[in-house]
């Protein structure tokens, strides 16, 4: 669905943005590093949330993390609190839920 596509697009941005300086420079040896931003990632997570509200713990977690990186801490807290209270229906959800809890506990 479009919601999943938007979530994956946002996750792709986050993965690139969270690479270390060494990893970015290594990639730049072989190709032009893609332009991406936390704002673009958040826009995609919010689009996914509009299309399927509360249906993905991963999307809520990453939206919260993007807000946090943008300095929007109260908004980040809301998304992260929603994420950590979501049911974990799959093993992947459980892993994301644990990661969301660690991020929340270390930052709030």
PDB file of N, CA and C in Angstrom:
ATOM      1  N   UNK A   1       0.821  -1.188   0.000  1.00  0.00           N
ATOM      2  CA  UNK A   1       0.000   0.000   0.000  1.00  0.00           C
ATOM      3  C   UNK A   1       0.864   1.250   0.000  1.00  0.00           C
ATOM      4  N   UNK A   2       0.265   2.374  -0.231  1.00  0.00           N
ATOM      5  CA  UNK A   2       0.997   3.646  -0.258  1.00  0.00           C
ATOM      6  C   UNK A   2       1.589   3.985   1.096  1.00  0.00           C
ATOM      7  N   UNK A   3       0.898   3.607   2.180  1.00  0.00           N
ATOM      8  CA  UNK A   3       1.403   3.868   3.514  1.00  0.00           C
ATOM      9  C   UNK A   3       2.715   3.153   3.770  1.00  0.00           C
ATOM     10  N   UNK A   4       2.782   1.904   3.355  1.00  0.00           N
ATOM     11  CA  UNK A   4       4.010   1.126   3.525  1.00  0.00           C
ATOM     12  C   UNK A   4       5.124   1.713   2.668  1.00  0.00           C
ATOM     13  N   UNK A   5       4.798   2.110   1.447  1.00  0.00           N
ATOM     14  CA  UNK A   5       5.804   2.721   0.574  1.00  0.00           C
ATOM     15  C   UNK A   5       6.363   4.001   1.187  1.00  0.00           C
ATOM     16  N   UNK A   6       5.490   4.819   1.752  1.00  0.00           N
ATOM     17  CA  UNK A   6       5.941   6.057   2.391  1.00  0.00           C
ATOM     18  C   UNK A   6       6.802   5.740   3.603  1.00  0.00           C
ATOM     19  N   UNK A   7       6.395   4.756   4.392  1.00  0.00           N
ATOM     20  CA  UNK A   7       7.187   4.368   5.569  1.00  0.00           C
ATOM     21  C   UNK A   7       8.578   3.892   5.153  1.00  0.00           C
ATOM     22  N   UNK A   8       8.658   3.050   4.134  1.00  0.00           N
ATOM     23  CA  UNK A   8       9.958   2.561   3.676  1.00  0.00           C
ATOM     24  C   UNK A   8      10.818   3.680   3.105  1.00  0.00           C
ATOM     25  N   UNK A   9      10.191   4.632   2.416  1.00  0.00           N
ATOM     26  CA  UNK A   9      10.936   5.782   1.909  1.00  0.00           C
ATOM     27  C   UNK A   9      11.528   6.600   3.042  1.00  0.00           C
ATOM     28  N   UNK A  10      10.740   6.820   4.081  1.00  0.00           N
ATOM     29  CA  UNK A  10      11.230   7.552   5.239  1.00  0.00           C
ATOM     30  C   UNK A  10      12.337   6.794   5.954  1.00  0.00           C
ATOM     31  N   UNK A  11      12.179   5.483   6.077  1.00  0.00           N
ATOM     32  CA  UNK A  11      13.198   4.653   6.725  1.00  0.00           C
ATOM     33  C   UNK A  11      14.508   4.694   5.941  1.00  0.00           C
ATOM     34  N   UNK A  12      14.420   4.721   4.618  1.00  0.00           N
ATOM     35  CA  UNK A  12      15.614   4.818   3.767  1.00  0.00           C
ATOM     36  C   UNK A  12      16.360   6.117   4.070  1.00  0.00           C
ATOM     37  N   UNK A  13      15.625   7.224   4.171  1.00  0.00           N
ATOM     38  CA  UNK A  13      16.241   8.504   4.523  1.00  0.00           C
ATOM     39  C   UNK A  13      16.937   8.398   5.876  1.00  0.00           C
ATOM     40  N   UNK A  14      16.250   7.846   6.861  1.00  0.00           N
ATOM     41  CA  UNK A  14      16.817   7.748   8.209  1.00  0.00           C
ATOM     42  C   UNK A  14      18.084   6.900   8.210  1.00  0.00           C
ATOM     43  N   UNK A  15      18.071   5.792   7.492  1.00  0.00           N
ATOM     44  CA  UNK A  15      19.258   4.930   7.447  1.00  0.00           C
ATOM     45  C   UNK A  15      20.455   5.694   6.869  1.00  0.00           C
ATOM     46  N   UNK A  16      20.224   6.425   5.794  1.00  0.00           N
ATOM     47  CA  UNK A  16      21.325   7.194   5.198  1.00  0.00           C
ATOM     48  C   UNK A  16      21.809   8.299   6.126  1.00  0.00           C
ATOM     49  N   UNK A  17      20.886   8.973   6.781  1.00  0.00           N
ATOM     50  CA  UNK A  17      21.248  10.074   7.662  1.00  0.00           C
ATOM     51  C   UNK A  17      22.002   9.611   8.900  1.00  0.00           C
ATOM     52  N   UNK A  18      21.810   8.373   9.304  1.00  0.00           N
ATOM     53  CA  UNK A  18      22.428   7.867  10.525  1.00  0.00           C
ATOM     54  C   UNK A  18      23.757   7.157  10.256  1.00  0.00           C
ATOM     55  N   UNK A  19      24.204   7.154   8.990  1.00  0.00           N
ATOM     56  CA  UNK A  19      25.512   6.575   8.685  1.00  0.00           C
ATOM     57  C   UNK A  19      26.615   7.445   9.281  1.00  0.00           C
ATOM     58  N   UNK A  20      27.703   6.807   9.641  1.00  0.00           N
ATOM     59  CA  UNK A  20      28.841   7.556  10.183  1.00  0.00           C
ATOM     60  C   UNK A  20      29.548   8.334   9.069  1.00  0.00           C
ATOM     61  N   UNK A  21      30.373   9.253   9.475  1.00  0.00           N
ATOM     62  CA  UNK A  21      31.164  10.048   8.525  1.00  0.00           C
ATOM     63  C   UNK A  21      32.005   9.127   7.640  1.00  0.00           C
ATOM     64  N   UNK A  22      32.598   8.106   8.221  1.00  0.00           N
ATOM     65  CA  UNK A  22      33.437   7.156   7.476  1.00  0.00           C
ATOM     66  C   UNK A  22      32.592   6.420   6.435  1.00  0.00           C
ATOM     67  N   UNK A  23      31.424   5.957   6.834  1.00  0.00           N
ATOM     68  CA  UNK A  23      30.557   5.231   5.902  1.00  0.00           C
ATOM     69  C   UNK A  23      30.114   6.131   4.745  1.00  0.00           C
ATOM     70  N   UNK A  24      29.760   7.373   5.057  1.00  0.00           N
ATOM     71  CA  UNK A  24      29.339   8.310   4.012  1.00  0.00           C
ATOM     72  C   UNK A  24      30.465   8.562   3.012  1.00  0.00           C
ATOM     73  N   UNK A  25      31.666   8.771   3.539  1.00  0.00           N
ATOM     74  CA  UNK A  25      32.799   9.025   2.652  1.00  0.00           C
ATOM     75  C   UNK A  25      33.164   7.812   1.820  1.00  0.00           C
ATOM     76  N   UNK A  26      33.021   6.621   2.385  1.00  0.00           N
ATOM     77  CA  UNK A  26      33.275   5.409   1.626  1.00  0.00           C
ATOM     78  C   UNK A  26      32.292   5.300   0.464  1.00  0.00           C
ATOM     79  N   UNK A  27      31.027   5.533   0.741  1.00  0.00           N
ATOM     80  CA  UNK A  27      30.004   5.486  -0.306  1.00  0.00           C
ATOM     81  C   UNK A  27      30.308   6.526  -1.380  1.00  0.00           C
ATOM     82  N   UNK A  28      30.738   7.708  -0.963  1.00  0.00           N
ATOM     83  CA  UNK A  28      31.021   8.792  -1.904  1.00  0.00           C
ATOM     84  C   UNK A  28      32.175   8.469  -2.848  1.00  0.00           C
ATOM     85  N   UNK A  29      33.009   7.504  -2.498  1.00  0.00           N
ATOM     86  CA  UNK A  29      34.079   7.073  -3.401  1.00  0.00           C
ATOM     87  C   UNK A  29      33.514   6.420  -4.657  1.00  0.00           C
ATOM     88  N   UNK A  30      32.333   5.814  -4.545  1.00  0.00           N
ATOM     89  CA  UNK A  30      31.768   5.026  -5.628  1.00  0.00           C
ATOM     90  C   UNK A  30      30.567   5.667  -6.312  1.00  0.00           C
ATOM     91  N   UNK A  31      29.921   6.609  -5.629  1.00  0.00           N
ATOM     92  CA  UNK A  31      28.760   7.248  -6.231  1.00  0.00           C
ATOM     93  C   UNK A  31      28.462   8.547  -5.487  1.00  0.00           C
ATOM     94  N   UNK A  32      27.575   9.319  -6.054  1.00  0.00           N
ATOM     95  CA  UNK A  32      27.153  10.545  -5.388  1.00  0.00           C
ATOM     96  C   UNK A  32      26.213  10.165  -4.248  1.00  0.00           C
ATOM     97  N   UNK A  33      26.538  10.669  -3.066  1.00  0.00           N
ATOM     98  CA  UNK A  33      25.703  10.351  -1.910  1.00  0.00           C
ATOM     99  C   UNK A  33      24.345  11.007  -2.093  1.00  0.00           C
ATOM    100  N   UNK A  34      23.260  10.257  -1.933  1.00  0.00           N
ATOM    101  CA  UNK A  34      21.919  10.815  -2.151  1.00  0.00           C
ATOM    102  C   UNK A  34      21.602  11.952  -1.181  1.00  0.00           C
ATOM    103  N   UNK A  35      20.859  12.917  -1.667  1.00  0.00           N
ATOM    104  CA  UNK A  35      20.404  14.009  -0.807  1.00  0.00           C
ATOM    105  C   UNK A  35      19.171  13.522  -0.039  1.00  0.00           C
ATOM    106  N   UNK A  36      19.208  13.735   1.250  1.00  0.00           N
ATOM    107  CA  UNK A  36      18.070  13.369   2.084  1.00  0.00           C
ATOM    108  C   UNK A  36      18.127  14.211   3.343  1.00  0.00           C
ATOM    109  N   UNK A  37      16.995  14.254   4.044  1.00  0.00           N
ATOM    110  CA  UNK A  37      16.930  15.072   5.253  1.00  0.00           C
ATOM    111  C   UNK A  37      15.923  14.461   6.231  1.00  0.00           C
ATOM    112  N   UNK A  38      16.066  14.866   7.484  1.00  0.00           N
ATOM    113  CA  UNK A  38      15.099  14.424   8.485  1.00  0.00           C
ATOM    114  C   UNK A  38      13.714  14.984   8.183  1.00  0.00           C
ATOM    115  N   UNK A  39      13.669  16.186   7.595  1.00  0.00           N
ATOM    116  CA  UNK A  39      12.374  16.771   7.229  1.00  0.00           C
ATOM    117  C   UNK A  39      11.659  15.901   6.198  1.00  0.00           C
ATOM    118  N   UNK A  40      12.413  15.454   5.174  1.00  0.00           N
ATOM    119  CA  UNK A  40      11.817  14.601   4.148  1.00  0.00           C
ATOM    120  C   UNK A  40      11.368  13.269   4.745  1.00  0.00           C
ATOM    121  N   UNK A  41      12.212  12.710   5.619  1.00  0.00           N
ATOM    122  CA  UNK A  41      11.854  11.446   6.267  1.00  0.00           C
ATOM    123  C   UNK A  41      10.570  11.617   7.070  1.00  0.00           C
ATOM    124  N   UNK A  42      10.498  12.690   7.862  1.00  0.00           N
ATOM    125  CA  UNK A  42       9.308  12.928   8.676  1.00  0.00           C
ATOM    126  C   UNK A  42       8.069  13.116   7.812  1.00  0.00           C
ATOM    127  N   UNK A  43       8.197  13.852   6.717  1.00  0.00           N
ATOM    128  CA  UNK A  43       7.062  14.028   5.807  1.00  0.00           C
ATOM    129  C   UNK A  43       6.531  12.673   5.323  1.00  0.00           C
ATOM    130  N   UNK A  44       7.439  11.765   5.011  1.00  0.00           N
ATOM    131  CA  UNK A  44       7.021  10.436   4.552  1.00  0.00           C
ATOM    132  C   UNK A  44       6.370   9.635   5.678  1.00  0.00           C
ATOM    133  N   UNK A  45       6.917   9.719   6.889  1.00  0.00           N
ATOM    134  CA  UNK A  45       6.304   9.009   8.020  1.00  0.00           C
ATOM    135  C   UNK A  45       4.910   9.557   8.316  1.00  0.00           C
ATOM    136  N   UNK A  46       4.769  10.877   8.225  1.00  0.00           N
ATOM    137  CA  UNK A  46       3.452  11.485   8.476  1.00  0.00           C
ATOM    138  C   UNK A  46       2.454  11.100   7.390  1.00  0.00           C
ATOM    139  N   UNK A  47       2.929  10.989   6.155  1.00  0.00           N
ATOM    140  CA  UNK A  47       2.057  10.534   5.067  1.00  0.00           C
ATOM    141  C   UNK A  47       1.584   9.103   5.339  1.00  0.00           C
ATOM    142  N   UNK A  48       2.518   8.252   5.756  1.00  0.00           N
ATOM    143  CA  UNK A  48       2.158   6.867   6.079  1.00  0.00           C
ATOM    144  C   UNK A  48       1.155   6.829   7.224  1.00  0.00           C
ATOM    145  N   UNK A  49       1.364   7.694   8.220  1.00  0.00           N
ATOM    146  CA  UNK A  49       0.455   7.742   9.372  1.00  0.00           C
ATOM    147  C   UNK A  49      -0.932   8.223   8.949  1.00  0.00           C
ATOM    148  N   UNK A  50      -0.998   9.179   8.033  1.00  0.00           N
ATOM    149  CA  UNK A  50      -2.292   9.650   7.520  1.00  0.00           C
ATOM    150  C   UNK A  50      -3.044   8.540   6.800  1.00  0.00           C
ATOM    151  N   UNK A  51      -2.297   7.711   6.055  1.00  0.00           N
ATOM    152  CA  UNK A  51      -2.923   6.653   5.272  1.00  0.00           C
ATOM    153  C   UNK A  51      -3.357   5.463   6.126  1.00  0.00           C
ATOM    154  N   UNK A  52      -2.614   5.199   7.204  1.00  0.00           N
ATOM    155  CA  UNK A  52      -2.936   4.053   8.066  1.00  0.00           C
ATOM    156  C   UNK A  52      -2.580   4.410   9.506  1.00  0.00           C
ATOM    157  N   UNK A  53      -3.407   5.216  10.157  1.00  0.00           N
ATOM    158  CA  UNK A  53      -3.096   5.715  11.503  1.00  0.00           C
ATOM    159  C   UNK A  53      -2.831   4.604  12.524  1.00  0.00           C
ATOM    160  N   UNK A  54      -1.686   4.725  13.216  1.00  0.00           N
ATOM    161  CA  UNK A  54      -1.367   3.815  14.305  1.00  0.00           C
ATOM    162  C   UNK A  54      -1.154   2.370  13.930  1.00  0.00           C
ATOM    163  N   UNK A  55      -0.992   2.084  12.654  1.00  0.00           N
ATOM    164  CA  UNK A  55      -0.910   0.682  12.234  1.00  0.00           C
ATOM    165  C   UNK A  55       0.508   0.120  12.238  1.00  0.00           C
ATOM    166  N   UNK A  56       1.515   0.982  12.420  1.00  0.00           N
ATOM    167  CA  UNK A  56       2.889   0.498  12.361  1.00  0.00           C
ATOM    168  C   UNK A  56       3.724   1.071  13.494  1.00  0.00           C
ATOM    169  N   UNK A  57       4.168   0.186  14.392  1.00  0.00           N
ATOM    170  CA  UNK A  57       5.031   0.618  15.482  1.00  0.00           C
ATOM    171  C   UNK A  57       6.337   1.201  14.922  1.00  0.00           C
ATOM    172  N   UNK A  58       6.806   0.633  13.830  1.00  0.00           N
ATOM    173  CA  UNK A  58       8.047   1.122  13.208  1.00  0.00           C
ATOM    174  C   UNK A  58       7.874   2.552  12.708  1.00  0.00           C
ATOM    175  N   UNK A  59       6.767   2.831  12.058  1.00  0.00           N
ATOM    176  CA  UNK A  59       6.520   4.164  11.528  1.00  0.00           C
ATOM    177  C   UNK A  59       6.416   5.192  12.665  1.00  0.00           C
ATOM    178  N   UNK A  60       5.709   4.835  13.729  1.00  0.00           N
ATOM    179  CA  UNK A  60       5.574   5.740  14.873  1.00  0.00           C
ATOM    180  C   UNK A  60       6.927   5.995  15.534  1.00  0.00           C
ATOM    181  N   UNK A  61       7.709   4.941  15.702  1.00  0.00           N
ATOM    182  CA  UNK A  61       9.044   5.073  16.293  1.00  0.00           C
ATOM    183  C   UNK A  61       9.931   5.978  15.445  1.00  0.00           C
ATOM    184  N   UNK A  62       9.968   5.721  14.141  1.00  0.00           N
ATOM    185  CA  UNK A  62      10.839   6.509  13.269  1.00  0.00           C
ATOM    186  C   UNK A  62      10.350   7.949  13.124  1.00  0.00           C
ATOM    187  N   UNK A  63       9.049   8.172  13.163  1.00  0.00           N
ATOM    188  CA  UNK A  63       8.522   9.544  13.155  1.00  0.00           C
ATOM    189  C   UNK A  63       8.987  10.270  14.413  1.00  0.00           C
ATOM    190  N   UNK A  64       8.923   9.593  15.551  1.00  0.00           N
ATOM    191  CA  UNK A  64       9.399  10.179  16.793  1.00  0.00           C
ATOM    192  C   UNK A  64      10.884  10.463  16.764  1.00  0.00           C
ATOM    193  N   UNK A  65      11.640   9.551  16.215  1.00  0.00           N
ATOM    194  CA  UNK A  65      13.092   9.720  16.136  1.00  0.00           C
ATOM    195  C   UNK A  65      13.443  10.884  15.204  1.00  0.00           C
ATOM    196  N   UNK A  66      12.733  11.003  14.086  1.00  0.00           N
ATOM    197  CA  UNK A  66      12.969  12.118  13.159  1.00  0.00           C
ATOM    198  C   UNK A  66      12.635  13.439  13.836  1.00  0.00           C
ATOM    199  N   UNK A  67      11.509  13.497  14.546  1.00  0.00           N
ATOM    200  CA  UNK A  67      11.149  14.720  15.288  1.00  0.00           C
ATOM    201  C   UNK A  67      12.239  15.066  16.296  1.00  0.00           C
ATOM    202  N   UNK A  68      12.740  14.064  16.988  1.00  0.00           N
ATOM    203  CA  UNK A  68      13.794  14.287  17.976  1.00  0.00           C
ATOM    204  C   UNK A  68      15.031  14.876  17.306  1.00  0.00           C
ATOM    205  N   UNK A  69      15.441  14.313  16.189  1.00  0.00           N
ATOM    206  CA  UNK A  69      16.625  14.803  15.463  1.00  0.00           C
ATOM    207  C   UNK A  69      16.419  16.231  14.968  1.00  0.00           C
ATOM    208  N   UNK A  70      15.175  16.606  14.727  1.00  0.00           N
ATOM    209  CA  UNK A  70      14.846  17.963  14.284  1.00  0.00           C
ATOM    210  C   UNK A  70      14.666  18.935  15.448  1.00  0.00           C
ATOM    211  N   UNK A  71      14.826  18.431  16.673  1.00  0.00           N
ATOM    212  CA  UNK A  71      14.682  19.279  17.847  1.00  0.00           C
ATOM    213  C   UNK A  71      13.243  19.500  18.281  1.00  0.00           C
ATOM    214  N   UNK A  72      12.330  18.751  17.722  1.00  0.00           N
ATOM    215  CA  UNK A  72      10.904  18.867  18.042  1.00  0.00           C
ATOM    216  C   UNK A  72      10.564  17.823  19.109  1.00  0.00           C
ATOM    217  N   UNK A  73      11.094  18.056  20.308  1.00  0.00           N
ATOM    218  CA  UNK A  73      11.071  17.028  21.342  1.00  0.00           C
ATOM    219  C   UNK A  73       9.686  16.703  21.883  1.00  0.00           C
ATOM    220  N   UNK A  74       8.811  17.682  22.013  1.00  0.00           N
ATOM    221  CA  UNK A  74       7.477  17.348  22.527  1.00  0.00           C
ATOM    222  C   UNK A  74       6.710  16.496  21.521  1.00  0.00           C
ATOM    223  N   UNK A  75       6.867  16.803  20.255  1.00  0.00           N
ATOM    224  CA  UNK A  75       6.237  15.992  19.200  1.00  0.00           C
ATOM    225  C   UNK A  75       6.867  14.595  19.172  1.00  0.00           C
ATOM    226  N   UNK A  76       8.189  14.545  19.327  1.00  0.00           N
ATOM    227  CA  UNK A  76       8.894  13.262  19.358  1.00  0.00           C
ATOM    228  C   UNK A  76       8.370  12.396  20.493  1.00  0.00           C
ATOM    229  N   UNK A  77       8.208  13.002  21.667  1.00  0.00           N
ATOM    230  CA  UNK A  77       7.719  12.267  22.826  1.00  0.00           C
ATOM    231  C   UNK A  77       6.345  11.648  22.537  1.00  0.00           C
ATOM    232  N   UNK A  78       5.459  12.399  21.886  1.00  0.00           N
ATOM    233  CA  UNK A  78       4.119  11.882  21.584  1.00  0.00           C
ATOM    234  C   UNK A  78       4.189  10.658  20.683  1.00  0.00           C
ATOM    235  N   UNK A  79       4.975  10.756  19.603  1.00  0.00           N
ATOM    236  CA  UNK A  79       5.087   9.615  18.684  1.00  0.00           C
ATOM    237  C   UNK A  79       5.721   8.409  19.378  1.00  0.00           C
ATOM    238  N   UNK A  80       6.775   8.666  20.165  1.00  0.00           N
ATOM    239  CA  UNK A  80       7.462   7.565  20.833  1.00  0.00           C
ATOM    240  C   UNK A  80       6.585   6.915  21.897  1.00  0.00           C
ATOM    241  N   UNK A  81       5.828   7.719  22.639  1.00  0.00           N
ATOM    242  CA  UNK A  81       4.921   7.138  23.626  1.00  0.00           C
ATOM    243  C   UNK A  81       3.843   6.293  22.955  1.00  0.00           C
ATOM    244  N   UNK A  82       3.371   6.760  21.820  1.00  0.00           N
ATOM    245  CA  UNK A  82       2.389   5.969  21.064  1.00  0.00           C
ATOM    246  C   UNK A  82       3.030   4.669  20.587  1.00  0.00           C
ATOM    247  N   UNK A  83       4.277   4.762  20.098  1.00  0.00           N
ATOM    248  CA  UNK A  83       4.982   3.575  19.589  1.00  0.00           C
ATOM    249  C   UNK A  83       5.187   2.539  20.689  1.00  0.00           C
ATOM    250  N   UNK A  84       5.665   2.970  21.863  1.00  0.00           N
ATOM    251  CA  UNK A  84       5.975   1.999  22.919  1.00  0.00           C
ATOM    252  C   UNK A  84       4.715   1.376  23.529  1.00  0.00           C
ATOM    253  N   UNK A  85       3.561   1.940  23.244  1.00  0.00           N
ATOM    254  CA  UNK A  85       2.308   1.373  23.728  1.00  0.00           C
ATOM    255  C   UNK A  85       1.568   0.557  22.672  1.00  0.00           C
ATOM    256  N   UNK A  86       2.169   0.408  21.504  1.00  0.00           N
ATOM    257  CA  UNK A  86       1.558  -0.399  20.439  1.00  0.00           C
ATOM    258  C   UNK A  86       1.775  -1.881  20.715  1.00  0.00           C
ATOM    259  N   UNK A  87       0.836  -2.704  20.313  1.00  0.00           N
ATOM    260  CA  UNK A  87       1.059  -4.143  20.435  1.00  0.00           C
ATOM    261  C   UNK A  87       2.106  -4.599  19.408  1.00  0.00           C
ATOM    262  N   UNK A  88       2.892  -5.568  19.788  1.00  0.00           N
ATOM    263  CA  UNK A  88       3.893  -6.134  18.880  1.00  0.00           C
ATOM    264  C   UNK A  88       3.329  -7.445  18.332  1.00  0.00           C
ATOM    265  N   UNK A  89       2.854  -7.398  17.097  1.00  0.00           N
ATOM    266  CA  UNK A  89       2.198  -8.557  16.503  1.00  0.00           C
ATOM    267  C   UNK A  89       3.166  -9.545  15.867  1.00  0.00           C
ATOM    268  N   UNK A  90       4.364  -9.077  15.517  1.00  0.00           N
ATOM    269  CA  UNK A  90       5.349  -9.933  14.855  1.00  0.00           C
ATOM    270  C   UNK A  90       6.691  -9.812  15.584  1.00  0.00           C
ATOM    271  N   UNK A  91       7.627 -10.689  15.222  1.00  0.00           N
ATOM    272  CA  UNK A  91       8.973 -10.601  15.809  1.00  0.00           C
ATOM    273  C   UNK A  91       9.633  -9.285  15.425  1.00  0.00           C
ATOM    274  N   UNK A  92       9.407  -8.840  14.185  1.00  0.00           N
ATOM    275  CA  UNK A  92       9.963  -7.551  13.751  1.00  0.00           C
ATOM    276  C   UNK A  92       9.382  -6.411  14.593  1.00  0.00           C
ATOM    277  N   UNK A  93       8.078  -6.445  14.822  1.00  0.00           N
ATOM    278  CA  UNK A  93       7.446  -5.436  15.671  1.00  0.00           C
ATOM    279  C   UNK A  93       8.055  -5.441  17.070  1.00  0.00           C
ATOM    280  N   UNK A  94       8.294  -6.635  17.611  1.00  0.00           N
ATOM    281  CA  UNK A  94       8.871  -6.756  18.944  1.00  0.00           C
ATOM    282  C   UNK A  94      10.260  -6.130  18.994  1.00  0.00           C
ATOM    283  N   UNK A  95      11.063  -6.374  17.960  1.00  0.00           N
ATOM    284  CA  UNK A  95      12.412  -5.793  17.903  1.00  0.00           C
ATOM    285  C   UNK A  95      12.342  -4.271  17.820  1.00  0.00           C
ATOM    286  N   UNK A  96      11.446  -3.756  16.984  1.00  0.00           N
ATOM    287  CA  UNK A  96      11.286  -2.309  16.843  1.00  0.00           C
ATOM    288  C   UNK A  96      10.772  -1.714  18.150  1.00  0.00           C
ATOM    289  N   UNK A  97       9.850  -2.399  18.793  1.00  0.00           N
ATOM    290  CA  UNK A  97       9.306  -1.935  20.067  1.00  0.00           C
ATOM    291  C   UNK A  97      10.410  -1.814  21.121  1.00  0.00           C
ATOM    292  N   UNK A  98      11.282  -2.804  21.184  1.00  0.00           N
ATOM    293  CA  UNK A  98      12.403  -2.756  22.137  1.00  0.00           C
ATOM    294  C   UNK A  98      13.349  -1.604  21.808  1.00  0.00           C
ATOM    295  N   UNK A  99      13.624  -1.404  20.533  1.00  0.00           N
ATOM    296  CA  UNK A  99      14.479  -0.294  20.111  1.00  0.00           C
ATOM    297  C   UNK A  99      13.833   1.051  20.458  1.00  0.00           C
ATOM    298  N   UNK A 100      12.523   1.157  20.244  1.00  0.00           N
ATOM    299  CA  UNK A 100      11.791   2.390  20.569  1.00  0.00           C
ATOM    300  C   UNK A 100      11.846   2.664  22.068  1.00  0.00           C
ATOM    301  N   UNK A 101      11.698   1.620  22.878  1.00  0.00           N
ATOM    302  CA  UNK A 101      11.767   1.787  24.334  1.00  0.00           C
ATOM    303  C   UNK A 101      13.148   2.257  24.767  1.00  0.00           C
ATOM    304  N   UNK A 102      14.199   1.664  24.186  1.00  0.00           N
ATOM    305  CA  UNK A 102      15.574   2.097  24.524  1.00  0.00           C
ATOM    306  C   UNK A 102      15.786   3.562  24.150  1.00  0.00           C
ATOM    307  N   UNK A 103      15.326   3.947  22.955  1.00  0.00           N
ATOM    308  CA  UNK A 103      15.503   5.321  22.507  1.00  0.00           C
ATOM    309  C   UNK A 103      14.738   6.280  23.426  1.00  0.00           C
ATOM    310  N   UNK A 104      13.502   5.914  23.751  1.00  0.00           N
ATOM    311  CA  UNK A 104      12.669   6.752  24.614  1.00  0.00           C
ATOM    312  C   UNK A 104      13.324   6.906  25.991  1.00  0.00           C
ATOM    313  N   UNK A 105      13.729   5.781  26.580  1.00  0.00           N
ATOM    314  CA  UNK A 105      14.295   5.802  27.928  1.00  0.00           C
ATOM    315  C   UNK A 105      15.624   6.563  27.991  1.00  0.00           C
ATOM    316  N   UNK A 106      16.387   6.545  26.921  1.00  0.00           N
ATOM    317  CA  UNK A 106      17.676   7.244  26.948  1.00  0.00           C
ATOM    318  C   UNK A 106      17.553   8.725  26.615  1.00  0.00           C
ATOM    319  N   UNK A 107      16.402   9.153  26.118  1.00  0.00           N
ATOM    320  CA  UNK A 107      16.252  10.557  25.706  1.00  0.00           C
ATOM    321  C   UNK A 107      15.165  11.328  26.456  1.00  0.00           C
ATOM    322  N   UNK A 108      14.303  10.638  27.212  1.00  0.00           N
ATOM    323  CA  UNK A 108      13.221  11.346  27.912  1.00  0.00           C
ATOM    324  C   UNK A 108      13.153  10.953  29.373  1.00  0.00           C
TER     325      UNK A 108
END
